[in-house]
Amino acid sequence: MEWAKMRRFKQQVAEADCIAVLKTEKRGVLAVNGENGYPYPVPINFYYSEAERTIYFHGAKQGEKLARIREDPRAAFCTYNQGFLREGEWAYNVTSVIVRGRVSILDDLARSEEICRKLGRKYYPSKEAVEAEIHKAFSRAYVFALTVESMTGKLVNES
C-alpha cells in the first residue's frame, strides 16, 4: 500500500531513529476504527520487536478495544520520546513516531507467554515480579500484534 509522504519532510527522522524510540519508550496510543465512524484511541504499554517489525501489547478478552479490532484490524499507533533541550533554548525537541498496520490476536499460547515475558521485563522491577503477574493474569488476557506497514518519525521543536 502506498502512503502519503510526510508534508514536513525536513523534520522527518530516519527509520533507525523511529526504532530507537519504539524500543525505549514505554507508552503510546493505539487508535482503531470505533463506533459510528469515530476513532477509538487507547493508551497502551507495548513491546517492539525490531526483527519482526511488530508492536506487541496485551488486553482483556472482552471490551471495546477487542471488539473494534475484531471488526476492523486496521490501526495506527503513536508514541514520542522525552525530548531534549538545545543550549540556550526553552522548548523541547521531541521525536514522535507514527505506525500504521493491522492488528492480530496471537493464538499460540507459548508465543503469547513469551511475548508477555518480554513486555513484563520492560516494565516490572524483576523477573520474579514478571512471573508472578503472568501466573496471576495471563489466562485473562490476549496478546495483540500490530504488524508495521508504515512507520514515520518527526523531530519537532515545541516552540
N, C-alpha and C. Protein backbone atom coordinates (compact mmCIF):
# COMPACT_ATOMS: atom_id res chain seq x y z
N MET A 1 0.85 -1.18 0.00
CA MET A 1 0.00 0.00 0.00
C MET A 1 0.89 1.24 0.00
N GLU A 2 0.53 2.21 -0.78
CA GLU A 2 1.26 3.47 -0.85
C GLU A 2 0.68 4.45 0.16
N TRP A 3 1.55 5.05 0.98
CA TRP A 3 1.12 6.02 1.99
C TRP A 3 1.55 7.41 1.54
N ALA A 4 0.80 8.39 1.97
CA ALA A 4 1.14 9.78 1.65
C ALA A 4 2.50 10.13 2.23
N LYS A 5 3.24 10.94 1.52
CA LYS A 5 4.54 11.42 2.01
C LYS A 5 4.31 12.44 3.12
N MET A 6 5.27 12.52 4.03
CA MET A 6 5.17 13.47 5.12
C MET A 6 5.29 14.90 4.57
N ARG A 7 4.36 15.75 4.95
CA ARG A 7 4.36 17.14 4.48
C ARG A 7 5.58 17.90 4.97
N ARG A 8 5.92 17.74 6.22
CA ARG A 8 7.07 18.45 6.81
C ARG A 8 8.31 17.55 6.71
N PHE A 9 8.67 17.20 5.50
CA PHE A 9 9.72 16.21 5.24
C PHE A 9 11.08 16.62 5.81
N LYS A 10 11.32 17.91 6.00
CA LYS A 10 12.60 18.35 6.56
C LYS A 10 12.73 17.94 8.03
N GLN A 11 11.60 17.67 8.68
CA GLN A 11 11.62 17.25 10.08
C GLN A 11 11.61 15.73 10.21
N GLN A 12 11.50 15.03 9.10
CA GLN A 12 11.43 13.57 9.14
C GLN A 12 12.75 12.99 9.66
N VAL A 13 12.64 11.96 10.49
CA VAL A 13 13.83 11.29 11.01
C VAL A 13 13.97 9.92 10.33
N ALA A 14 15.15 9.38 10.40
CA ALA A 14 15.44 8.08 9.80
C ALA A 14 14.69 6.97 10.54
N GLU A 15 14.47 5.86 9.84
CA GLU A 15 13.79 4.73 10.46
C GLU A 15 14.54 4.25 11.70
N ALA A 16 15.87 4.31 11.69
CA ALA A 16 16.65 3.90 12.86
C ALA A 16 16.28 4.73 14.10
N ASP A 17 16.02 6.02 13.89
CA ASP A 17 15.59 6.88 15.00
C ASP A 17 14.20 6.49 15.49
N CYS A 18 13.32 6.14 14.56
CA CYS A 18 11.98 5.67 14.93
C CYS A 18 12.07 4.40 15.77
N ILE A 19 12.90 3.48 15.32
CA ILE A 19 13.08 2.21 16.03
C ILE A 19 13.62 2.45 17.43
N ALA A 20 14.56 3.36 17.57
CA ALA A 20 15.12 3.67 18.89
C ALA A 20 14.02 4.16 19.84
N VAL A 21 13.12 5.01 19.34
CA VAL A 21 12.00 5.49 20.16
C VAL A 21 11.08 4.33 20.52
N LEU A 22 10.75 3.49 19.55
CA LEU A 22 9.85 2.36 19.82
C LEU A 22 10.46 1.37 20.82
N LYS A 23 11.76 1.22 20.81
CA LYS A 23 12.40 0.27 21.72
C LYS A 23 12.56 0.82 23.13
N THR A 24 12.59 2.15 23.28
CA THR A 24 12.86 2.71 24.60
C THR A 24 11.65 3.29 25.30
N GLU A 25 10.72 3.84 24.57
CA GLU A 25 9.57 4.46 25.23
C GLU A 25 8.61 3.40 25.76
N LYS A 26 7.88 3.74 26.79
CA LYS A 26 7.06 2.75 27.48
C LYS A 26 5.57 2.86 27.20
N ARG A 27 5.13 3.97 26.68
CA ARG A 27 3.69 4.15 26.47
C ARG A 27 3.42 4.77 25.11
N GLY A 28 2.25 4.46 24.61
CA GLY A 28 1.82 5.04 23.35
C GLY A 28 0.31 4.98 23.26
N VAL A 29 -0.22 5.42 22.14
CA VAL A 29 -1.66 5.41 21.94
C VAL A 29 -1.96 4.61 20.68
N LEU A 30 -2.80 3.61 20.83
CA LEU A 30 -3.29 2.81 19.72
C LEU A 30 -4.63 3.39 19.30
N ALA A 31 -4.80 3.65 18.02
CA ALA A 31 -6.07 4.16 17.51
C ALA A 31 -6.64 3.15 16.53
N VAL A 32 -7.87 2.75 16.80
CA VAL A 32 -8.59 1.83 15.92
C VAL A 32 -9.87 2.50 15.45
N ASN A 33 -10.51 1.90 14.48
CA ASN A 33 -11.78 2.45 13.98
C ASN A 33 -12.87 2.11 14.98
N GLY A 34 -13.51 3.15 15.51
CA GLY A 34 -14.50 2.98 16.56
C GLY A 34 -15.92 3.01 16.03
N GLU A 35 -16.83 3.11 16.96
CA GLU A 35 -18.26 3.14 16.63
C GLU A 35 -18.63 4.41 15.89
N ASN A 36 -19.59 4.28 15.00
CA ASN A 36 -20.18 5.41 14.28
C ASN A 36 -19.15 6.27 13.55
N GLY A 37 -18.04 5.65 13.11
CA GLY A 37 -17.04 6.37 12.35
C GLY A 37 -16.07 7.19 13.16
N TYR A 38 -16.19 7.16 14.49
CA TYR A 38 -15.27 7.91 15.34
C TYR A 38 -14.04 7.06 15.66
N PRO A 39 -12.85 7.66 15.65
CA PRO A 39 -11.67 6.90 16.06
C PRO A 39 -11.79 6.50 17.53
N TYR A 40 -11.16 5.40 17.88
CA TYR A 40 -11.13 4.94 19.27
C TYR A 40 -9.66 4.81 19.68
N PRO A 41 -9.11 5.84 20.36
CA PRO A 41 -7.72 5.79 20.80
C PRO A 41 -7.62 5.19 22.21
N VAL A 42 -6.61 4.36 22.41
CA VAL A 42 -6.42 3.70 23.69
C VAL A 42 -4.95 3.78 24.10
N PRO A 43 -4.66 4.32 25.28
CA PRO A 43 -3.26 4.30 25.74
C PRO A 43 -2.85 2.86 26.06
N ILE A 44 -1.66 2.48 25.64
CA ILE A 44 -1.20 1.11 25.89
C ILE A 44 0.28 1.11 26.29
N ASN A 45 0.66 0.04 27.00
CA ASN A 45 2.06 -0.32 27.19
C ASN A 45 2.39 -1.26 26.05
N PHE A 46 3.64 -1.26 25.60
CA PHE A 46 3.94 -2.06 24.41
C PHE A 46 5.38 -2.54 24.42
N TYR A 47 5.63 -3.53 23.58
CA TYR A 47 6.97 -4.06 23.34
C TYR A 47 7.15 -4.09 21.83
N TYR A 48 8.27 -3.54 21.33
CA TYR A 48 8.53 -3.53 19.90
C TYR A 48 9.61 -4.55 19.56
N SER A 49 9.31 -5.42 18.60
CA SER A 49 10.28 -6.37 18.08
C SER A 49 10.79 -5.85 16.75
N GLU A 50 12.04 -5.42 16.74
CA GLU A 50 12.63 -4.90 15.50
C GLU A 50 12.72 -5.99 14.44
N ALA A 51 13.10 -7.20 14.85
CA ALA A 51 13.26 -8.30 13.90
C ALA A 51 11.95 -8.64 13.18
N GLU A 52 10.85 -8.50 13.89
CA GLU A 52 9.54 -8.84 13.31
C GLU A 52 8.78 -7.62 12.80
N ARG A 53 9.32 -6.41 13.05
CA ARG A 53 8.63 -5.15 12.72
C ARG A 53 7.20 -5.19 13.25
N THR A 54 7.10 -5.51 14.55
CA THR A 54 5.80 -5.71 15.18
C THR A 54 5.78 -5.07 16.56
N ILE A 55 4.67 -4.41 16.86
CA ILE A 55 4.42 -3.87 18.19
C ILE A 55 3.47 -4.84 18.88
N TYR A 56 3.86 -5.31 20.05
CA TYR A 56 3.04 -6.22 20.83
C TYR A 56 2.46 -5.49 22.03
N PHE A 57 1.23 -5.84 22.37
CA PHE A 57 0.58 -5.31 23.56
C PHE A 57 -0.44 -6.33 24.04
N HIS A 58 -0.96 -6.14 25.21
CA HIS A 58 -1.93 -7.10 25.75
C HIS A 58 -3.24 -6.38 26.04
N GLY A 59 -4.27 -7.16 26.25
CA GLY A 59 -5.56 -6.58 26.57
C GLY A 59 -6.53 -7.66 27.04
N ALA A 60 -7.61 -7.21 27.61
CA ALA A 60 -8.63 -8.11 28.14
C ALA A 60 -9.30 -8.90 27.01
N LYS A 61 -9.88 -10.02 27.39
CA LYS A 61 -10.58 -10.88 26.43
C LYS A 61 -12.01 -10.41 26.18
N GLN A 62 -12.29 -9.20 26.58
CA GLN A 62 -13.58 -8.57 26.31
C GLN A 62 -13.39 -7.07 26.33
N GLY A 63 -14.34 -6.33 25.77
CA GLY A 63 -14.26 -4.88 25.85
C GLY A 63 -14.19 -4.21 24.49
N GLU A 64 -14.19 -2.89 24.54
CA GLU A 64 -14.25 -2.06 23.35
C GLU A 64 -13.06 -2.26 22.42
N LYS A 65 -11.86 -2.26 22.97
CA LYS A 65 -10.66 -2.41 22.13
C LYS A 65 -10.73 -3.71 21.33
N LEU A 66 -11.03 -4.79 22.00
CA LEU A 66 -11.13 -6.09 21.34
C LEU A 66 -12.23 -6.09 20.27
N ALA A 67 -13.38 -5.55 20.61
CA ALA A 67 -14.50 -5.51 19.66
C ALA A 67 -14.13 -4.73 18.40
N ARG A 68 -13.48 -3.58 18.58
CA ARG A 68 -13.10 -2.75 17.44
C ARG A 68 -12.05 -3.42 16.57
N ILE A 69 -11.08 -4.08 17.20
CA ILE A 69 -10.03 -4.78 16.45
C ILE A 69 -10.63 -5.94 15.67
N ARG A 70 -11.54 -6.66 16.28
CA ARG A 70 -12.18 -7.78 15.57
C ARG A 70 -13.00 -7.29 14.38
N GLU A 71 -13.61 -6.13 14.54
CA GLU A 71 -14.43 -5.56 13.46
C GLU A 71 -13.58 -5.04 12.31
N ASP A 72 -12.45 -4.42 12.64
CA ASP A 72 -11.56 -3.84 11.62
C ASP A 72 -10.14 -3.84 12.18
N PRO A 73 -9.25 -4.66 11.66
CA PRO A 73 -7.91 -4.78 12.23
C PRO A 73 -6.96 -3.63 11.90
N ARG A 74 -7.38 -2.70 11.05
CA ARG A 74 -6.50 -1.57 10.72
C ARG A 74 -6.34 -0.67 11.93
N ALA A 75 -5.11 -0.22 12.15
CA ALA A 75 -4.84 0.60 13.34
C ALA A 75 -3.67 1.54 13.08
N ALA A 76 -3.58 2.54 13.93
CA ALA A 76 -2.43 3.44 13.96
C ALA A 76 -1.95 3.49 15.41
N PHE A 77 -0.67 3.76 15.55
CA PHE A 77 -0.06 3.83 16.87
C PHE A 77 0.87 5.03 16.90
N CYS A 78 0.89 5.74 18.02
CA CYS A 78 1.75 6.91 18.15
C CYS A 78 2.44 6.89 19.51
N THR A 79 3.70 7.22 19.49
CA THR A 79 4.45 7.42 20.73
C THR A 79 5.48 8.51 20.47
N TYR A 80 6.08 9.03 21.54
CA TYR A 80 7.12 10.04 21.38
C TYR A 80 8.05 9.99 22.56
N ASN A 81 9.28 10.47 22.33
CA ASN A 81 10.26 10.41 23.40
C ASN A 81 10.16 11.64 24.31
N GLN A 82 11.03 11.67 25.31
CA GLN A 82 11.01 12.76 26.30
C GLN A 82 11.61 14.05 25.74
N GLY A 83 12.35 13.93 24.65
CA GLY A 83 12.91 15.11 24.02
C GLY A 83 14.18 15.60 24.68
N PHE A 84 14.70 16.68 24.13
CA PHE A 84 15.92 17.28 24.66
C PHE A 84 15.87 18.77 24.43
N LEU A 85 16.67 19.48 25.21
CA LEU A 85 16.80 20.93 25.07
C LEU A 85 18.13 21.24 24.40
N ARG A 86 18.10 22.15 23.46
CA ARG A 86 19.34 22.67 22.89
C ARG A 86 19.81 23.81 23.79
N GLU A 87 21.10 23.97 23.89
CA GLU A 87 21.66 25.01 24.75
C GLU A 87 21.09 26.37 24.37
N GLY A 88 20.59 27.07 25.38
CA GLY A 88 20.05 28.41 25.19
C GLY A 88 18.59 28.45 24.74
N GLU A 89 17.95 27.28 24.57
CA GLU A 89 16.54 27.25 24.16
C GLU A 89 15.67 26.77 25.31
N TRP A 90 14.43 27.17 25.29
CA TRP A 90 13.48 26.76 26.33
C TRP A 90 12.57 25.63 25.86
N ALA A 91 12.42 25.48 24.56
CA ALA A 91 11.48 24.50 24.02
C ALA A 91 12.16 23.16 23.76
N TYR A 92 11.46 22.09 24.09
CA TYR A 92 11.99 20.75 23.86
C TYR A 92 11.92 20.38 22.39
N ASN A 93 12.83 19.51 21.99
CA ASN A 93 12.86 18.90 20.66
C ASN A 93 12.46 17.44 20.87
N VAL A 94 11.33 17.06 20.32
CA VAL A 94 10.72 15.76 20.59
C VAL A 94 10.63 14.96 19.29
N THR A 95 10.96 13.68 19.37
CA THR A 95 10.79 12.79 18.23
C THR A 95 9.53 11.97 18.45
N SER A 96 8.61 12.08 17.50
CA SER A 96 7.39 11.28 17.54
C SER A 96 7.44 10.23 16.44
N VAL A 97 6.75 9.13 16.68
CA VAL A 97 6.70 8.03 15.72
C VAL A 97 5.24 7.66 15.51
N ILE A 98 4.86 7.51 14.25
CA ILE A 98 3.52 7.03 13.91
C ILE A 98 3.67 5.77 13.08
N VAL A 99 2.96 4.75 13.50
CA VAL A 99 2.97 3.45 12.82
C VAL A 99 1.55 3.17 12.34
N ARG A 100 1.46 2.61 11.16
CA ARG A 100 0.17 2.12 10.66
C ARG A 100 0.34 0.64 10.35
N GLY A 101 -0.72 -0.11 10.58
CA GLY A 101 -0.65 -1.54 10.30
C GLY A 101 -1.95 -2.23 10.65
N ARG A 102 -1.86 -3.52 10.78
CA ARG A 102 -3.02 -4.35 11.11
C ARG A 102 -2.74 -5.13 12.38
N VAL A 103 -3.76 -5.24 13.21
CA VAL A 103 -3.65 -5.92 14.49
C VAL A 103 -4.21 -7.33 14.37
N SER A 104 -3.49 -8.28 14.93
CA SER A 104 -3.99 -9.65 15.02
C SER A 104 -3.86 -10.10 16.48
N ILE A 105 -4.60 -11.13 16.81
CA ILE A 105 -4.53 -11.73 18.15
C ILE A 105 -3.68 -12.98 18.03
N LEU A 106 -2.65 -13.09 18.87
CA LEU A 106 -1.82 -14.30 18.83
C LEU A 106 -2.64 -15.47 19.33
N ASP A 107 -2.60 -16.56 18.59
CA ASP A 107 -3.36 -17.74 19.02
C ASP A 107 -2.44 -18.84 19.56
N ASP A 108 -1.15 -18.65 19.49
CA ASP A 108 -0.17 -19.59 20.02
C ASP A 108 0.11 -19.21 21.47
N LEU A 109 -0.34 -20.05 22.41
CA LEU A 109 -0.20 -19.72 23.83
C LEU A 109 1.25 -19.61 24.27
N ALA A 110 2.11 -20.49 23.78
CA ALA A 110 3.53 -20.43 24.16
C ALA A 110 4.15 -19.12 23.66
N ARG A 111 3.84 -18.73 22.45
CA ARG A 111 4.36 -17.47 21.89
C ARG A 111 3.80 -16.28 22.67
N SER A 112 2.52 -16.34 23.02
CA SER A 112 1.89 -15.27 23.80
C SER A 112 2.57 -15.11 25.15
N GLU A 113 2.88 -16.22 25.79
CA GLU A 113 3.55 -16.17 27.09
C GLU A 113 4.96 -15.60 26.94
N GLU A 114 5.66 -15.98 25.88
CA GLU A 114 6.99 -15.45 25.61
C GLU A 114 6.94 -13.93 25.43
N ILE A 115 5.96 -13.45 24.69
CA ILE A 115 5.81 -12.01 24.47
C ILE A 115 5.45 -11.31 25.78
N CYS A 116 4.59 -11.92 26.59
CA CYS A 116 4.24 -11.33 27.89
C CYS A 116 5.48 -11.18 28.76
N ARG A 117 6.38 -12.13 28.70
CA ARG A 117 7.62 -12.01 29.48
C ARG A 117 8.44 -10.82 28.98
N LYS A 118 8.55 -10.68 27.67
CA LYS A 118 9.31 -9.56 27.12
C LYS A 118 8.66 -8.23 27.49
N LEU A 119 7.34 -8.18 27.40
CA LEU A 119 6.60 -6.98 27.81
C LEU A 119 6.86 -6.69 29.29
N GLY A 120 6.72 -7.73 30.11
CA GLY A 120 6.89 -7.58 31.55
C GLY A 120 8.27 -7.10 31.94
N ARG A 121 9.31 -7.61 31.26
CA ARG A 121 10.68 -7.20 31.58
C ARG A 121 10.91 -5.72 31.30
N LYS A 122 10.11 -5.17 30.41
CA LYS A 122 10.23 -3.75 30.09
C LYS A 122 9.67 -2.88 31.22
N TYR A 123 8.74 -3.42 32.01
CA TYR A 123 8.00 -2.61 32.99
C TYR A 123 8.22 -3.02 34.45
N TYR A 124 8.36 -4.30 34.71
CA TYR A 124 8.43 -4.77 36.10
C TYR A 124 9.87 -4.73 36.62
N PRO A 125 10.03 -4.60 37.93
CA PRO A 125 11.37 -4.44 38.51
C PRO A 125 12.21 -5.72 38.53
N SER A 126 11.57 -6.90 38.39
CA SER A 126 12.34 -8.15 38.48
C SER A 126 11.66 -9.26 37.68
N LYS A 127 12.45 -10.30 37.39
CA LYS A 127 11.89 -11.48 36.70
C LYS A 127 10.81 -12.13 37.57
N GLU A 128 11.04 -12.12 38.87
CA GLU A 128 10.07 -12.73 39.78
C GLU A 128 8.72 -12.01 39.71
N ALA A 129 8.77 -10.69 39.64
CA ALA A 129 7.53 -9.91 39.53
C ALA A 129 6.82 -10.20 38.21
N VAL A 130 7.59 -10.36 37.14
CA VAL A 130 7.01 -10.71 35.84
C VAL A 130 6.32 -12.06 35.93
N GLU A 131 7.01 -13.03 36.49
CA GLU A 131 6.44 -14.39 36.60
C GLU A 131 5.18 -14.40 37.46
N ALA A 132 5.18 -13.64 38.54
CA ALA A 132 4.01 -13.56 39.41
C ALA A 132 2.82 -12.98 38.65
N GLU A 133 3.06 -11.94 37.86
CA GLU A 133 1.97 -11.32 37.10
C GLU A 133 1.46 -12.26 36.01
N ILE A 134 2.36 -12.96 35.33
CA ILE A 134 1.94 -13.92 34.31
C ILE A 134 1.10 -15.02 34.95
N HIS A 135 1.54 -15.51 36.10
CA HIS A 135 0.78 -16.55 36.80
C HIS A 135 -0.62 -16.07 37.18
N LYS A 136 -0.70 -14.82 37.60
CA LYS A 136 -1.96 -14.24 38.07
C LYS A 136 -2.91 -13.88 36.92
N ALA A 137 -2.40 -13.31 35.84
CA ALA A 137 -3.28 -12.67 34.86
C ALA A 137 -3.23 -13.21 33.43
N PHE A 138 -2.27 -14.06 33.11
CA PHE A 138 -2.09 -14.49 31.72
C PHE A 138 -3.36 -15.11 31.11
N SER A 139 -4.06 -15.89 31.88
CA SER A 139 -5.25 -16.57 31.35
C SER A 139 -6.39 -15.61 31.02
N ARG A 140 -6.32 -14.39 31.52
CA ARG A 140 -7.40 -13.42 31.31
C ARG A 140 -7.09 -12.40 30.20
N ALA A 141 -5.96 -12.60 29.52
CA ALA A 141 -5.54 -11.58 28.55
C ALA A 141 -5.22 -12.20 27.19
N TYR A 142 -5.37 -11.38 26.17
CA TYR A 142 -4.88 -11.71 24.84
C TYR A 142 -3.59 -10.94 24.61
N VAL A 143 -2.77 -11.46 23.74
CA VAL A 143 -1.61 -10.72 23.26
C VAL A 143 -1.91 -10.33 21.82
N PHE A 144 -1.77 -9.05 21.53
CA PHE A 144 -2.06 -8.50 20.21
C PHE A 144 -0.75 -8.16 19.51
N ALA A 145 -0.75 -8.27 18.19
CA ALA A 145 0.42 -7.94 17.38
C ALA A 145 0.01 -6.92 16.33
N LEU A 146 0.62 -5.76 16.36
CA LEU A 146 0.41 -4.74 15.33
C LEU A 146 1.60 -4.84 14.38
N THR A 147 1.35 -5.39 13.20
CA THR A 147 2.40 -5.54 12.19
C THR A 147 2.57 -4.22 11.45
N VAL A 148 3.80 -3.73 11.43
CA VAL A 148 4.08 -2.42 10.84
C VAL A 148 3.99 -2.49 9.32
N GLU A 149 3.12 -1.66 8.77
CA GLU A 149 3.03 -1.48 7.32
C GLU A 149 3.67 -0.15 6.91
N SER A 150 3.63 0.82 7.81
CA SER A 150 4.18 2.14 7.56
C SER A 150 4.70 2.70 8.87
N MET A 151 5.87 3.34 8.81
CA MET A 151 6.45 3.95 10.01
C MET A 151 7.07 5.28 9.60
N THR A 152 6.67 6.34 10.29
CA THR A 152 7.29 7.64 10.06
C THR A 152 7.62 8.27 11.41
N GLY A 153 8.63 9.09 11.40
CA GLY A 153 9.02 9.79 12.60
C GLY A 153 9.36 11.23 12.26
N LYS A 154 9.16 12.08 13.26
CA LYS A 154 9.38 13.51 13.04
C LYS A 154 10.01 14.10 14.29
N LEU A 155 11.00 14.96 14.07
CA LEU A 155 11.62 15.73 15.14
C LEU A 155 10.98 17.11 15.13
N VAL A 156 10.33 17.44 16.23
CA VAL A 156 9.58 18.69 16.32
C VAL A 156 10.12 19.54 17.45
N ASN A 157 10.30 20.82 17.19
CA ASN A 157 10.65 21.77 18.23
C ASN A 157 9.34 22.33 18.75
N GLU A 158 9.12 22.24 20.05
CA GLU A 158 7.83 22.60 20.64
C GLU A 158 7.60 24.10 20.79
N SER A 159 8.44 24.93 20.20
CA SER A 159 8.22 26.38 20.32
C SER A 159 7.24 26.84 19.26
